[in-house]
Amino acid sequence: MAIQLQQALDVGKYIVTQRLLGRKRFPLVLMLEPLFRCNLACSGCGKIQHPKEILKRHLTPEECFAAVKECGVPVVSIPGGEPLL
């Protein structure tokens, strides 16, 4: 999968900025899971073993945006089977 030029520039700028600030370690990707639900049943994933009340929990869009803003990373990944389930 090709990375768009603007995204590559944004990531590069972020890394250079962090280095200039003297940070040796900093987040690069936020793995955001707005829902605990998943339509898959992967054998290596313990998510399907969670109690139903946990699986029904979710983040609001506002909470998701706040997490992205707080983290300040240039890349956000939404893992899982179908994140918009």
PDB file of N, CA and C in Angstrom:
ATOM      1  N   MET A   1       0.846  -1.163   0.000  1.00  0.00           N
ATOM      2  CA  MET A   1       0.000   0.000   0.000  1.00  0.00           C
ATOM      3  C   MET A   1       0.898   1.233   0.000  1.00  0.00           C
ATOM      4  N   ALA A   2       0.701   2.089  -0.953  1.00  0.00           N
ATOM      5  CA  ALA A   2       1.506   3.292  -1.080  1.00  0.00           C
ATOM      6  C   ALA A   2       1.055   4.348  -0.073  1.00  0.00           C
ATOM      7  N   ILE A   3       2.021   5.096   0.427  1.00  0.00           N
ATOM      8  CA  ILE A   3       1.727   6.190   1.353  1.00  0.00           C
ATOM      9  C   ILE A   3       1.706   7.485   0.553  1.00  0.00           C
ATOM     10  N   GLN A   4       0.682   8.283   0.771  1.00  0.00           N
ATOM     11  CA  GLN A   4       0.584   9.551   0.069  1.00  0.00           C
ATOM     12  C   GLN A   4       1.733  10.453   0.482  1.00  0.00           C
ATOM     13  N   LEU A   5       2.169  11.297  -0.442  1.00  0.00           N
ATOM     14  CA  LEU A   5       3.290  12.196  -0.191  1.00  0.00           C
ATOM     15  C   LEU A   5       3.019  13.083   1.020  1.00  0.00           C
ATOM     16  N   GLN A   6       1.830  13.640   1.125  1.00  0.00           N
ATOM     17  CA  GLN A   6       1.524  14.531   2.246  1.00  0.00           C
ATOM     18  C   GLN A   6       1.616  13.798   3.578  1.00  0.00           C
ATOM     19  N   GLN A   7       1.139  12.555   3.617  1.00  0.00           N
ATOM     20  CA  GLN A   7       1.224  11.787   4.856  1.00  0.00           C
ATOM     21  C   GLN A   7       2.679  11.502   5.207  1.00  0.00           C
ATOM     22  N   ALA A   8       3.483  11.157   4.221  1.00  0.00           N
ATOM     23  CA  ALA A   8       4.903  10.906   4.462  1.00  0.00           C
ATOM     24  C   ALA A   8       5.588  12.167   4.981  1.00  0.00           C
ATOM     25  N   LEU A   9       5.242  13.323   4.427  1.00  0.00           N
ATOM     26  CA  LEU A   9       5.814  14.589   4.890  1.00  0.00           C
ATOM     27  C   LEU A   9       5.371  14.904   6.319  1.00  0.00           C
ATOM     28  N   ASP A  10       4.102  14.663   6.624  1.00  0.00           N
ATOM     29  CA  ASP A  10       3.590  14.914   7.975  1.00  0.00           C
ATOM     30  C   ASP A  10       4.300  14.038   9.007  1.00  0.00           C
ATOM     31  N   VAL A  11       4.477  12.770   8.684  1.00  0.00           N
ATOM     32  CA  VAL A  11       5.160  11.853   9.599  1.00  0.00           C
ATOM     33  C   VAL A  11       6.620  12.271   9.764  1.00  0.00           C
ATOM     34  N   GLY A  12       7.280  12.609   8.665  1.00  0.00           N
ATOM     35  CA  GLY A  12       8.668  13.062   8.725  1.00  0.00           C
ATOM     36  C   GLY A  12       8.819  14.321   9.563  1.00  0.00           C
ATOM     37  N   LYS A  13       7.923  15.275   9.379  1.00  0.00           N
ATOM     38  CA  LYS A  13       7.953  16.524  10.154  1.00  0.00           C
ATOM     39  C   LYS A  13       7.762  16.238  11.637  1.00  0.00           C
ATOM     40  N   TYR A  14       6.837  15.346  11.944  1.00  0.00           N
ATOM     41  CA  TYR A  14       6.573  14.973  13.336  1.00  0.00           C
ATOM     42  C   TYR A  14       7.821  14.361  13.972  1.00  0.00           C
ATOM     43  N   ILE A  15       8.470  13.447  13.273  1.00  0.00           N
ATOM     44  CA  ILE A  15       9.667  12.787  13.805  1.00  0.00           C
ATOM     45  C   ILE A  15      10.790  13.791  14.016  1.00  0.00           C
ATOM     46  N   VAL A  16      11.024  14.656  13.034  1.00  0.00           N
ATOM     47  CA  VAL A  16      12.078  15.668  13.158  1.00  0.00           C
ATOM     48  C   VAL A  16      11.783  16.597  14.333  1.00  0.00           C
ATOM     49  N   THR A  17      10.533  17.017  14.467  1.00  0.00           N
ATOM     50  CA  THR A  17      10.151  17.895  15.579  1.00  0.00           C
ATOM     51  C   THR A  17      10.413  17.231  16.922  1.00  0.00           C
ATOM     52  N   GLN A  18      10.034  15.961  17.053  1.00  0.00           N
ATOM     53  CA  GLN A  18      10.251  15.239  18.308  1.00  0.00           C
ATOM     54  C   GLN A  18      11.739  15.123  18.624  1.00  0.00           C
ATOM     55  N   ARG A  19      12.545  14.863  17.606  1.00  0.00           N
ATOM     56  CA  ARG A  19      14.000  14.752  17.801  1.00  0.00           C
ATOM     57  C   ARG A  19      14.598  16.100  18.205  1.00  0.00           C
ATOM     58  N   LEU A  20      14.145  17.184  17.569  1.00  0.00           N
ATOM     59  CA  LEU A  20      14.645  18.518  17.909  1.00  0.00           C
ATOM     60  C   LEU A  20      14.259  18.917  19.331  1.00  0.00           C
ATOM     61  N   LEU A  21      13.146  18.402  19.812  1.00  0.00           N
ATOM     62  CA  LEU A  21      12.729  18.650  21.190  1.00  0.00           C
ATOM     63  C   LEU A  21      13.496  17.773  22.182  1.00  0.00           C
ATOM     64  N   GLY A  22      14.380  16.918  21.667  1.00  0.00           N
ATOM     65  CA  GLY A  22      15.211  16.077  22.520  1.00  0.00           C
ATOM     66  C   GLY A  22      14.548  14.798  22.989  1.00  0.00           C
ATOM     67  N   ARG A  23      13.441  14.467  22.406  1.00  0.00           N
ATOM     68  CA  ARG A  23      12.738  13.251  22.810  1.00  0.00           C
ATOM     69  C   ARG A  23      13.320  12.048  22.078  1.00  0.00           C
ATOM     70  N   LYS A  24      13.712  11.060  22.848  1.00  0.00           N
ATOM     71  CA  LYS A  24      14.250   9.844  22.242  1.00  0.00           C
ATOM     72  C   LYS A  24      13.149   8.837  21.961  1.00  0.00           C
ATOM     73  N   ARG A  25      12.087   8.911  22.756  1.00  0.00           N
ATOM     74  CA  ARG A  25      10.953   8.003  22.574  1.00  0.00           C
ATOM     75  C   ARG A  25       9.686   8.839  22.508  1.00  0.00           C
ATOM     76  N   PHE A  26       8.837   8.509  21.564  1.00  0.00           N
ATOM     77  CA  PHE A  26       7.580   9.235  21.393  1.00  0.00           C
ATOM     78  C   PHE A  26       6.627   8.364  20.588  1.00  0.00           C
ATOM     79  N   PRO A  27       5.311   8.558  20.783  1.00  0.00           N
ATOM     80  CA  PRO A  27       4.342   7.740  20.041  1.00  0.00           C
ATOM     81  C   PRO A  27       4.320   8.117  18.567  1.00  0.00           C
ATOM     82  N   LEU A  28       4.116   7.144  17.718  1.00  0.00           N
ATOM     83  CA  LEU A  28       4.040   7.388  16.283  1.00  0.00           C
ATOM     84  C   LEU A  28       2.671   7.003  15.729  1.00  0.00           C
ATOM     85  N   VAL A  29       2.064   5.970  16.311  1.00  0.00           N
ATOM     86  CA  VAL A  29       0.763   5.492  15.838  1.00  0.00           C
ATOM     87  C   VAL A  29      -0.160   5.298  17.043  1.00  0.00           C
ATOM     88  N   LEU A  30      -1.380   5.783  16.938  1.00  0.00           N
ATOM     89  CA  LEU A  30      -2.399   5.541  17.952  1.00  0.00           C
ATOM     90  C   LEU A  30      -3.287   4.411  17.452  1.00  0.00           C
ATOM     91  N   MET A  31      -3.342   3.326  18.220  1.00  0.00           N
ATOM     92  CA  MET A  31      -4.228   2.212  17.894  1.00  0.00           C
ATOM     93  C   MET A  31      -5.532   2.460  18.647  1.00  0.00           C
ATOM     94  N   LEU A  32      -6.521   2.973  17.965  1.00  0.00           N
ATOM     95  CA  LEU A  32      -7.778   3.385  18.578  1.00  0.00           C
ATOM     96  C   LEU A  32      -8.846   2.324  18.349  1.00  0.00           C
ATOM     97  N   GLU A  33      -9.414   1.824  19.437  1.00  0.00           N
ATOM     98  CA  GLU A  33     -10.491   0.832  19.345  1.00  0.00           C
ATOM     99  C   GLU A  33     -11.765   1.448  19.904  1.00  0.00           C
ATOM    100  N   PRO A  34     -12.570   2.087  19.064  1.00  0.00           N
ATOM    101  CA  PRO A  34     -13.781   2.733  19.556  1.00  0.00           C
ATOM    102  C   PRO A  34     -14.850   1.747  20.023  1.00  0.00           C
ATOM    103  N   LEU A  35     -14.813   0.532  19.512  1.00  0.00           N
ATOM    104  CA  LEU A  35     -15.786  -0.498  19.880  1.00  0.00           C
ATOM    105  C   LEU A  35     -15.053  -1.745  20.340  1.00  0.00           C
ATOM    106  N   PHE A  36     -15.656  -2.480  21.243  1.00  0.00           N
ATOM    107  CA  PHE A  36     -15.101  -3.769  21.635  1.00  0.00           C
ATOM    108  C   PHE A  36     -15.676  -4.891  20.780  1.00  0.00           C
ATOM    109  N   ARG A  37     -16.724  -4.583  20.037  1.00  0.00           N
ATOM    110  CA  ARG A  37     -17.364  -5.607  19.205  1.00  0.00           C
ATOM    111  C   ARG A  37     -16.490  -5.945  17.998  1.00  0.00           C
ATOM    112  N   CYS A  38     -16.666  -7.139  17.503  1.00  0.00           N
ATOM    113  CA  CYS A  38     -15.921  -7.581  16.326  1.00  0.00           C
ATOM    114  C   CYS A  38     -16.719  -8.696  15.661  1.00  0.00           C
ATOM    115  N   ASN A  39     -16.723  -8.693  14.344  1.00  0.00           N
ATOM    116  CA  ASN A  39     -17.465  -9.726  13.626  1.00  0.00           C
ATOM    117  C   ASN A  39     -16.592 -10.937  13.294  1.00  0.00           C
ATOM    118  N   LEU A  40     -15.365 -10.938  13.760  1.00  0.00           N
ATOM    119  CA  LEU A  40     -14.466 -12.065  13.528  1.00  0.00           C
ATOM    120  C   LEU A  40     -14.327 -12.876  14.811  1.00  0.00           C
ATOM    121  N   ALA A  41     -13.767 -14.048  14.716  1.00  0.00           N
ATOM    122  CA  ALA A  41     -13.520 -14.898  15.885  1.00  0.00           C
ATOM    123  C   ALA A  41     -12.124 -15.495  15.765  1.00  0.00           C
ATOM    124  N   CYS A  42     -11.122 -14.618  15.729  1.00  0.00           N
ATOM    125  CA  CYS A  42      -9.735 -15.067  15.575  1.00  0.00           C
ATOM    126  C   CYS A  42      -9.303 -15.865  16.803  1.00  0.00           C
ATOM    127  N   SER A  43      -8.650 -16.986  16.583  1.00  0.00           N
ATOM    128  CA  SER A  43      -8.273 -17.871  17.688  1.00  0.00           C
ATOM    129  C   SER A  43      -7.251 -17.227  18.619  1.00  0.00           C
ATOM    130  N   GLY A  44      -6.435 -16.339  18.130  1.00  0.00           N
ATOM    131  CA  GLY A  44      -5.407 -15.710  18.956  1.00  0.00           C
ATOM    132  C   GLY A  44      -5.882 -14.483  19.710  1.00  0.00           C
ATOM    133  N   CYS A  45      -7.111 -14.086  19.504  1.00  0.00           N
ATOM    134  CA  CYS A  45      -7.643 -12.875  20.127  1.00  0.00           C
ATOM    135  C   CYS A  45      -8.537 -13.246  21.303  1.00  0.00           C
ATOM    136  N   GLY A  46      -8.317 -12.609  22.442  1.00  0.00           N
ATOM    137  CA  GLY A  46      -9.132 -12.889  23.612  1.00  0.00           C
ATOM    138  C   GLY A  46     -10.391 -12.055  23.680  1.00  0.00           C
ATOM    139  N   LYS A  47     -10.601 -11.199  22.693  1.00  0.00           N
ATOM    140  CA  LYS A  47     -11.748 -10.296  22.723  1.00  0.00           C
ATOM    141  C   LYS A  47     -13.077 -11.041  22.771  1.00  0.00           C
ATOM    142  N   ILE A  48     -13.163 -12.176  22.105  1.00  0.00           N
ATOM    143  CA  ILE A  48     -14.430 -12.908  22.071  1.00  0.00           C
ATOM    144  C   ILE A  48     -14.754 -13.541  23.420  1.00  0.00           C
ATOM    145  N   GLN A  49     -13.780 -13.579  24.332  1.00  0.00           N
ATOM    146  CA  GLN A  49     -13.995 -14.171  25.649  1.00  0.00           C
ATOM    147  C   GLN A  49     -14.461 -13.149  26.686  1.00  0.00           C
ATOM    148  N   HIS A  50     -14.510 -11.860  26.323  1.00  0.00           N
ATOM    149  CA  HIS A  50     -14.953 -10.825  27.258  1.00  0.00           C
ATOM    150  C   HIS A  50     -16.436 -10.989  27.569  1.00  0.00           C
ATOM    151  N   PRO A  51     -16.844 -10.604  28.777  1.00  0.00           N
ATOM    152  CA  PRO A  51     -18.282 -10.635  29.106  1.00  0.00           C
ATOM    153  C   PRO A  51     -19.070  -9.692  28.195  1.00  0.00           C
ATOM    154  N   LYS A  52     -20.336  -9.994  28.005  1.00  0.00           N
ATOM    155  CA  LYS A  52     -21.174  -9.209  27.088  1.00  0.00           C
ATOM    156  C   LYS A  52     -21.254  -7.739  27.471  1.00  0.00           C
ATOM    157  N   GLU A  53     -21.258  -7.426  28.778  1.00  0.00           N
ATOM    158  CA  GLU A  53     -21.346  -6.016  29.172  1.00  0.00           C
ATOM    159  C   GLU A  53     -20.100  -5.232  28.753  1.00  0.00           C
ATOM    160  N   ILE A  54     -18.967  -5.895  28.698  1.00  0.00           N
ATOM    161  CA  ILE A  54     -17.741  -5.247  28.211  1.00  0.00           C
ATOM    162  C   ILE A  54     -17.831  -5.055  26.701  1.00  0.00           C
ATOM    163  N   LEU A  55     -18.318  -6.066  26.002  1.00  0.00           N
ATOM    164  CA  LEU A  55     -18.406  -5.997  24.545  1.00  0.00           C
ATOM    165  C   LEU A  55     -19.378  -4.922  24.068  1.00  0.00           C
ATOM    166  N   LYS A  56     -20.317  -4.526  24.912  1.00  0.00           N
ATOM    167  CA  LYS A  56     -21.289  -3.498  24.532  1.00  0.00           C
ATOM    168  C   LYS A  56     -20.747  -2.080  24.717  1.00  0.00           C
ATOM    169  N   ARG A  57     -19.617  -1.923  25.398  1.00  0.00           N
ATOM    170  CA  ARG A  57     -19.058  -0.594  25.649  1.00  0.00           C
ATOM    171  C   ARG A  57     -18.473  -0.008  24.371  1.00  0.00           C
ATOM    172  N   HIS A  58     -18.495   1.307  24.287  1.00  0.00           N
ATOM    173  CA  HIS A  58     -17.917   1.973  23.118  1.00  0.00           C
ATOM    174  C   HIS A  58     -17.535   3.404  23.465  1.00  0.00           C
ATOM    175  N   LEU A  59     -16.659   3.976  22.668  1.00  0.00           N
ATOM    176  CA  LEU A  59     -16.280   5.378  22.810  1.00  0.00           C
ATOM    177  C   LEU A  59     -17.166   6.216  21.907  1.00  0.00           C
ATOM    178  N   THR A  60     -17.519   7.390  22.376  1.00  0.00           N
ATOM    179  CA  THR A  60     -18.275   8.314  21.531  1.00  0.00           C
ATOM    180  C   THR A  60     -17.310   8.937  20.526  1.00  0.00           C
ATOM    181  N   PRO A  61     -17.829   9.499  19.447  1.00  0.00           N
ATOM    182  CA  PRO A  61     -16.934  10.197  18.513  1.00  0.00           C
ATOM    183  C   PRO A  61     -16.116  11.290  19.207  1.00  0.00           C
ATOM    184  N   GLU A  62     -16.728  12.002  20.148  1.00  0.00           N
ATOM    185  CA  GLU A  62     -16.015  13.056  20.865  1.00  0.00           C
ATOM    186  C   GLU A  62     -14.846  12.490  21.668  1.00  0.00           C
ATOM    187  N   GLU A  63     -15.050  11.325  22.298  1.00  0.00           N
ATOM    188  CA  GLU A  63     -13.977  10.683  23.055  1.00  0.00           C
ATOM    189  C   GLU A  63     -12.852  10.230  22.127  1.00  0.00           C
ATOM    190  N   CYS A  64     -13.209   9.750  20.949  1.00  0.00           N
ATOM    191  CA  CYS A  64     -12.200   9.332  19.968  1.00  0.00           C
ATOM    192  C   CYS A  64     -11.369  10.523  19.515  1.00  0.00           C
ATOM    193  N   PHE A  65     -12.051  11.618  19.170  1.00  0.00           N
ATOM    194  CA  PHE A  65     -11.336  12.820  18.724  1.00  0.00           C
ATOM    195  C   PHE A  65     -10.447  13.366  19.837  1.00  0.00           C
ATOM    196  N   ALA A  66     -10.927  13.327  21.083  1.00  0.00           N
ATOM    197  CA  ALA A  66     -10.132  13.804  22.214  1.00  0.00           C
ATOM    198  C   ALA A  66      -8.882  12.944  22.406  1.00  0.00           C
ATOM    199  N   ALA A  67      -9.011  11.637  22.224  1.00  0.00           N
ATOM    200  CA  ALA A  67      -7.861  10.736  22.355  1.00  0.00           C
ATOM    201  C   ALA A  67      -6.820  11.029  21.285  1.00  0.00           C
ATOM    202  N   VAL A  68      -7.282  11.266  20.062  1.00  0.00           N
ATOM    203  CA  VAL A  68      -6.363  11.586  18.964  1.00  0.00           C
ATOM    204  C   VAL A  68      -5.650  12.902  19.253  1.00  0.00           C
ATOM    205  N   LYS A  69      -6.399  13.897  19.700  1.00  0.00           N
ATOM    206  CA  LYS A  69      -5.811  15.208  19.994  1.00  0.00           C
ATOM    207  C   LYS A  69      -4.814  15.115  21.145  1.00  0.00           C
ATOM    208  N   GLU A  70      -5.172  14.374  22.193  1.00  0.00           N
ATOM    209  CA  GLU A  70      -4.292  14.231  23.352  1.00  0.00           C
ATOM    210  C   GLU A  70      -2.989  13.534  22.987  1.00  0.00           C
ATOM    211  N   CYS A  71      -3.074  12.507  22.169  1.00  0.00           N
ATOM    212  CA  CYS A  71      -1.895  11.732  21.791  1.00  0.00           C
ATOM    213  C   CYS A  71      -0.997  12.519  20.836  1.00  0.00           C
ATOM    214  N   GLY A  72      -1.611  13.247  19.910  1.00  0.00           N
ATOM    215  CA  GLY A  72      -0.850  14.090  18.998  1.00  0.00           C
ATOM    216  C   GLY A  72      -0.039  13.363  17.943  1.00  0.00           C
ATOM    217  N   VAL A  73      -0.354  12.118  17.677  1.00  0.00           N
ATOM    218  CA  VAL A  73       0.412  11.347  16.699  1.00  0.00           C
ATOM    219  C   VAL A  73      -0.058  11.647  15.275  1.00  0.00           C
ATOM    220  N   PRO A  74       0.815  11.414  14.294  1.00  0.00           N
ATOM    221  CA  PRO A  74       0.425  11.673  12.912  1.00  0.00           C
ATOM    222  C   PRO A  74      -0.378  10.550  12.261  1.00  0.00           C
ATOM    223  N   VAL A  75      -0.421   9.366  12.884  1.00  0.00           N
ATOM    224  CA  VAL A  75      -1.101   8.218  12.286  1.00  0.00           C
ATOM    225  C   VAL A  75      -2.056   7.602  13.314  1.00  0.00           C
ATOM    226  N   VAL A  76      -3.294   7.356  12.887  1.00  0.00           N
ATOM    227  CA  VAL A  76      -4.284   6.695  13.738  1.00  0.00           C
ATOM    228  C   VAL A  76      -4.749   5.436  13.014  1.00  0.00           C
ATOM    229  N   SER A  77      -4.679   4.304  13.706  1.00  0.00           N
ATOM    230  CA  SER A  77      -5.114   3.033  13.143  1.00  0.00           C
ATOM    231  C   SER A  77      -6.297   2.524  13.958  1.00  0.00           C
ATOM    232  N   ILE A  78      -7.313   2.040  13.259  1.00  0.00           N
ATOM    233  CA  ILE A  78      -8.478   1.462  13.927  1.00  0.00           C
ATOM    234  C   ILE A  78      -8.435  -0.042  13.672  1.00  0.00           C
ATOM    235  N   PRO A  79      -7.926  -0.828  14.653  1.00  0.00           N
ATOM    236  CA  PRO A  79      -7.779  -2.269  14.455  1.00  0.00           C
ATOM    237  C   PRO A  79      -9.077  -3.021  14.703  1.00  0.00           C
ATOM    238  N   GLY A  80      -9.056  -4.290  14.400  1.00  0.00           N
ATOM    239  CA  GLY A  80     -10.204  -5.156  14.664  1.00  0.00           C
ATOM    240  C   GLY A  80     -10.831  -5.645  13.383  1.00  0.00           C
ATOM    241  N   GLY A  81     -11.855  -6.444  13.530  1.00  0.00           N
ATOM    242  CA  GLY A  81     -12.552  -7.002  12.373  1.00  0.00           C
ATOM    243  C   GLY A  81     -13.212  -5.920  11.551  1.00  0.00           C
ATOM    244  N   GLU A  82     -14.284  -5.375  12.059  1.00  0.00           N
ATOM    245  CA  GLU A  82     -15.002  -4.301  11.365  1.00  0.00           C
ATOM    246  C   GLU A  82     -15.195  -3.174  12.370  1.00  0.00           C
ATOM    247  N   PRO A  83     -14.335  -2.141  12.360  1.00  0.00           N
ATOM    248  CA  PRO A  83     -14.391  -1.097  13.377  1.00  0.00           C
ATOM    249  C   PRO A  83     -15.653  -0.247  13.342  1.00  0.00           C
ATOM    250  N   LEU A  84     -16.420  -0.302  12.271  1.00  0.00           N
ATOM    251  CA  LEU A  84     -17.642   0.491  12.175  1.00  0.00           C
ATOM    252  C   LEU A  84     -18.889  -0.362  12.382  1.00  0.00           C
ATOM    253  N   LEU A  85     -18.725  -1.537  12.971  1.00  0.00           N
ATOM    254  CA  LEU A  85     -19.811  -2.483  13.195  1.00  0.00           C
ATOM    255  C   LEU A  85     -20.922  -1.859  14.015  1.00  0.00           C
TER     256      LEU A  85
END
